[in-house]
């Protein structure tokens, strides 16, 4: 089987899975656009082996499909780094929110104990 056909089938499957995840609302729209863009670029490059071979030769890469998978790999690394940054930001917000909730609960508890009448019958 031709490697370009394998790459094409993989990219087509990737695009179909991405579209299904978008349809089921499993992926946020802002992230889905990046995945769709990657899938389309990879699909176009796998359909045009001459273009892929020309770019790979210009970059000094011997085998054109190696460039195709390298582009996907680099995109994935950049995207994972972006998601790590987003998760870190969300984790910091969650920590801050948890701390604020604890302070509010402590303040409410203090107000509850201040409002109760003191039993001095002893």
C-alpha atoms as a PDB file:
ATOM      1  CA  UNK A   1       0.000   0.000   0.000  1.00  0.00           C
ATOM      2  CA  UNK A   2       1.281   3.449  -0.925  1.00  0.00           C
ATOM      3  CA  UNK A   3       2.375   5.554   2.077  1.00  0.00           C
ATOM      4  CA  UNK A   4       0.584   8.599   0.655  1.00  0.00           C
ATOM      5  CA  UNK A   5      -2.653   6.621   0.591  1.00  0.00           C
ATOM      6  CA  UNK A   6      -2.088   5.594   4.227  1.00  0.00           C
ATOM      7  CA  UNK A   7      -1.438   9.234   5.159  1.00  0.00           C
ATOM      8  CA  UNK A   8      -4.545  10.337   3.267  1.00  0.00           C
ATOM      9  CA  UNK A   9      -6.740   7.729   4.978  1.00  0.00           C
ATOM     10  CA  UNK A  10      -5.313   8.638   8.376  1.00  0.00           C
ATOM     11  CA  UNK A  11      -5.945  12.375   7.801  1.00  0.00           C
ATOM     12  CA  UNK A  12      -9.451  11.702   6.522  1.00  0.00           C
ATOM     13  CA  UNK A  13     -10.217   9.554   9.568  1.00  0.00           C
ATOM     14  CA  UNK A  14      -8.748  12.223  11.828  1.00  0.00           C
ATOM     15  CA  UNK A  15     -10.967  14.885  10.253  1.00  0.00           C
ATOM     16  CA  UNK A  16     -14.070  12.711  10.562  1.00  0.00           C
ATOM     17  CA  UNK A  17     -13.374  11.968  14.238  1.00  0.00           C
ATOM     18  CA  UNK A  18     -12.755  15.681  14.901  1.00  0.00           C
ATOM     19  CA  UNK A  19     -16.019  16.647  13.202  1.00  0.00           C
ATOM     20  CA  UNK A  20     -17.892  14.021  15.222  1.00  0.00           C
ATOM     21  CA  UNK A  21     -16.352  15.324  18.469  1.00  0.00           C
ATOM     22  CA  UNK A  22     -17.403  18.857  17.534  1.00  0.00           C
ATOM     23  CA  UNK A  23     -20.911  17.650  16.728  1.00  0.00           C
ATOM     24  CA  UNK A  24     -21.187  15.952  20.115  1.00  0.00           C
ATOM     25  CA  UNK A  25     -19.763  19.079  21.796  1.00  0.00           C
ATOM     26  CA  UNK A  26     -16.799  17.164  23.233  1.00  0.00           C
ATOM     27  CA  UNK A  27     -14.343  19.754  21.881  1.00  0.00           C
ATOM     28  CA  UNK A  28     -14.583  23.485  22.404  1.00  0.00           C
ATOM     29  CA  UNK A  29     -14.994  25.511  19.222  1.00  0.00           C
ATOM     30  CA  UNK A  30     -11.816  27.515  19.763  1.00  0.00           C
ATOM     31  CA  UNK A  31      -9.733  24.329  19.925  1.00  0.00           C
ATOM     32  CA  UNK A  32     -11.613  22.487  17.196  1.00  0.00           C
ATOM     33  CA  UNK A  33     -10.640  25.076  14.595  1.00  0.00           C
ATOM     34  CA  UNK A  34      -6.969  24.330  15.196  1.00  0.00           C
ATOM     35  CA  UNK A  35      -7.521  20.588  14.877  1.00  0.00           C
ATOM     36  CA  UNK A  36      -9.559  21.049  11.699  1.00  0.00           C
ATOM     37  CA  UNK A  37      -6.852  23.277  10.242  1.00  0.00           C
ATOM     38  CA  UNK A  38      -4.190  20.679  11.013  1.00  0.00           C
ATOM     39  CA  UNK A  39      -6.302  17.921   9.469  1.00  0.00           C
ATOM     40  CA  UNK A  40      -6.947  19.914   6.309  1.00  0.00           C
ATOM     41  CA  UNK A  41      -3.283  20.879   5.855  1.00  0.00           C
ATOM     42  CA  UNK A  42      -2.219  17.276   6.360  1.00  0.00           C
ATOM     43  CA  UNK A  43      -4.939  16.059   3.979  1.00  0.00           C
ATOM     44  CA  UNK A  44      -3.881  18.516   1.256  1.00  0.00           C
ATOM     45  CA  UNK A  45      -0.217  17.608   1.645  1.00  0.00           C
ATOM     46  CA  UNK A  46      -1.000  13.895   1.485  1.00  0.00           C
ATOM     47  CA  UNK A  47      -3.060  14.445  -1.697  1.00  0.00           C
ATOM     48  CA  UNK A  48      -0.273  16.434  -3.376  1.00  0.00           C
ATOM     49  CA  UNK A  49       2.880  14.310  -3.055  1.00  0.00           C
ATOM     50  CA  UNK A  50       4.743  16.545  -5.523  1.00  0.00           C
ATOM     51  CA  UNK A  51       4.180  19.585  -3.306  1.00  0.00           C
ATOM     52  CA  UNK A  52       5.151  17.623  -0.210  1.00  0.00           C
ATOM     53  CA  UNK A  53       8.281  16.226  -1.884  1.00  0.00           C
ATOM     54  CA  UNK A  54       9.284  19.698  -3.098  1.00  0.00           C
ATOM     55  CA  UNK A  55       8.949  21.202   0.368  1.00  0.00           C
ATOM     56  CA  UNK A  56      10.774  18.285   1.961  1.00  0.00           C
ATOM     57  CA  UNK A  57      13.657  18.494  -0.520  1.00  0.00           C
ATOM     58  CA  UNK A  58      13.931  22.239   0.122  1.00  0.00           C
ATOM     59  CA  UNK A  59      14.197  21.482   3.845  1.00  0.00           C
ATOM     60  CA  UNK A  60      16.694  18.666   3.280  1.00  0.00           C
ATOM     61  CA  UNK A  61      14.328  15.866   4.256  1.00  0.00           C
ATOM     62  CA  UNK A  62      14.776  12.754   2.125  1.00  0.00           C
ATOM     63  CA  UNK A  63      11.331  11.201   2.441  1.00  0.00           C
ATOM     64  CA  UNK A  64       8.291  13.421   1.870  1.00  0.00           C
ATOM     65  CA  UNK A  65       5.919  11.612   4.190  1.00  0.00           C
ATOM     66  CA  UNK A  66       8.392  12.080   7.021  1.00  0.00           C
ATOM     67  CA  UNK A  67       7.751  15.810   6.688  1.00  0.00           C
ATOM     68  CA  UNK A  68       4.014  15.193   6.781  1.00  0.00           C
ATOM     69  CA  UNK A  69       4.177  13.331  10.065  1.00  0.00           C
ATOM     70  CA  UNK A  70       6.802  15.721  11.448  1.00  0.00           C
ATOM     71  CA  UNK A  71       4.439  18.663  10.855  1.00  0.00           C
ATOM     72  CA  UNK A  72       1.694  16.815  12.712  1.00  0.00           C
ATOM     73  CA  UNK A  73       4.070  15.976  15.541  1.00  0.00           C
ATOM     74  CA  UNK A  74       5.261  19.573  15.909  1.00  0.00           C
ATOM     75  CA  UNK A  75       1.705  20.878  15.843  1.00  0.00           C
ATOM     76  CA  UNK A  76       0.748  18.400  18.543  1.00  0.00           C
ATOM     77  CA  UNK A  77       3.654  19.482  20.743  1.00  0.00           C
ATOM     78  CA  UNK A  78       2.756  23.160  20.375  1.00  0.00           C
ATOM     79  CA  UNK A  79      -0.887  22.406  21.080  1.00  0.00           C
ATOM     80  CA  UNK A  80      -0.026  20.352  24.164  1.00  0.00           C
ATOM     81  CA  UNK A  81       2.090  23.242  25.450  1.00  0.00           C
ATOM     82  CA  UNK A  82      -0.832  25.625  24.885  1.00  0.00           C
ATOM     83  CA  UNK A  83      -3.198  23.300  26.750  1.00  0.00           C
ATOM     84  CA  UNK A  84      -0.695  23.016  29.606  1.00  0.00           C
ATOM     85  CA  UNK A  85      -0.673  26.799  29.898  1.00  0.00           C
ATOM     86  CA  UNK A  86      -4.484  26.896  29.903  1.00  0.00           C
ATOM     87  CA  UNK A  87      -4.683  24.152  32.552  1.00  0.00           C
ATOM     88  CA  UNK A  88      -2.121  25.945  34.736  1.00  0.00           C
ATOM     89  CA  UNK A  89      -4.098  29.182  34.499  1.00  0.00           C
ATOM     90  CA  UNK A  90      -7.324  27.360  35.396  1.00  0.00           C
ATOM     91  CA  UNK A  91      -5.619  25.585  38.306  1.00  0.00           C
ATOM     92  CA  UNK A  92      -4.461  28.923  39.723  1.00  0.00           C
ATOM     93  CA  UNK A  93      -7.970  30.357  39.379  1.00  0.00           C
ATOM     94  CA  UNK A  94      -9.418  27.301  41.111  1.00  0.00           C
ATOM     95  CA  UNK A  95      -6.928  27.630  43.978  1.00  0.00           C
ATOM     96  CA  UNK A  96      -7.790  31.305  44.376  1.00  0.00           C
ATOM     97  CA  UNK A  97     -11.524  30.552  44.282  1.00  0.00           C
ATOM     98  CA  UNK A  98     -11.122  27.824  46.898  1.00  0.00           C
ATOM     99  CA  UNK A  99      -9.203  30.200  49.158  1.00  0.00           C
ATOM    100  CA  UNK A 100     -11.845  32.904  48.762  1.00  0.00           C
ATOM    101  CA  UNK A 101     -14.608  30.399  49.572  1.00  0.00           C
ATOM    102  CA  UNK A 102     -12.776  29.318  52.726  1.00  0.00           C
ATOM    103  CA  UNK A 103     -12.413  32.955  53.817  1.00  0.00           C
ATOM    104  CA  UNK A 104     -16.117  33.620  53.173  1.00  0.00           C
ATOM    105  CA  UNK A 105     -17.126  30.529  55.136  1.00  0.00           C
ATOM    106  CA  UNK A 106     -14.894  31.560  58.021  1.00  0.00           C
ATOM    107  CA  UNK A 107     -16.366  35.075  57.975  1.00  0.00           C
ATOM    108  CA  UNK A 108     -19.926  33.689  57.922  1.00  0.00           C
ATOM    109  CA  UNK A 109     -19.086  31.370  60.809  1.00  0.00           C
ATOM    110  CA  UNK A 110     -17.714  34.307  62.814  1.00  0.00           C
ATOM    111  CA  UNK A 111     -20.854  36.335  62.146  1.00  0.00           C
ATOM    112  CA  UNK A 112     -23.053  33.411  63.241  1.00  0.00           C
ATOM    113  CA  UNK A 113     -21.187  33.015  66.517  1.00  0.00           C
ATOM    114  CA  UNK A 114     -21.213  36.791  67.179  1.00  0.00           C
ATOM    115  CA  UNK A 115     -24.998  37.007  66.744  1.00  0.00           C
ATOM    116  CA  UNK A 116     -25.834  34.250  69.235  1.00  0.00           C
ATOM    117  CA  UNK A 117     -26.761  35.402  72.715  1.00  0.00           C
ATOM    118  CA  UNK A 118     -24.316  34.419  75.395  1.00  0.00           C
ATOM    119  CA  UNK A 119     -25.756  32.097  78.068  1.00  0.00           C
ATOM    120  CA  UNK A 120     -24.647  33.566  81.397  1.00  0.00           C
ATOM    121  CA  UNK A 121     -26.883  31.471  83.624  1.00  0.00           C
ATOM    122  CA  UNK A 122     -24.000  29.410  84.913  1.00  0.00           C
END
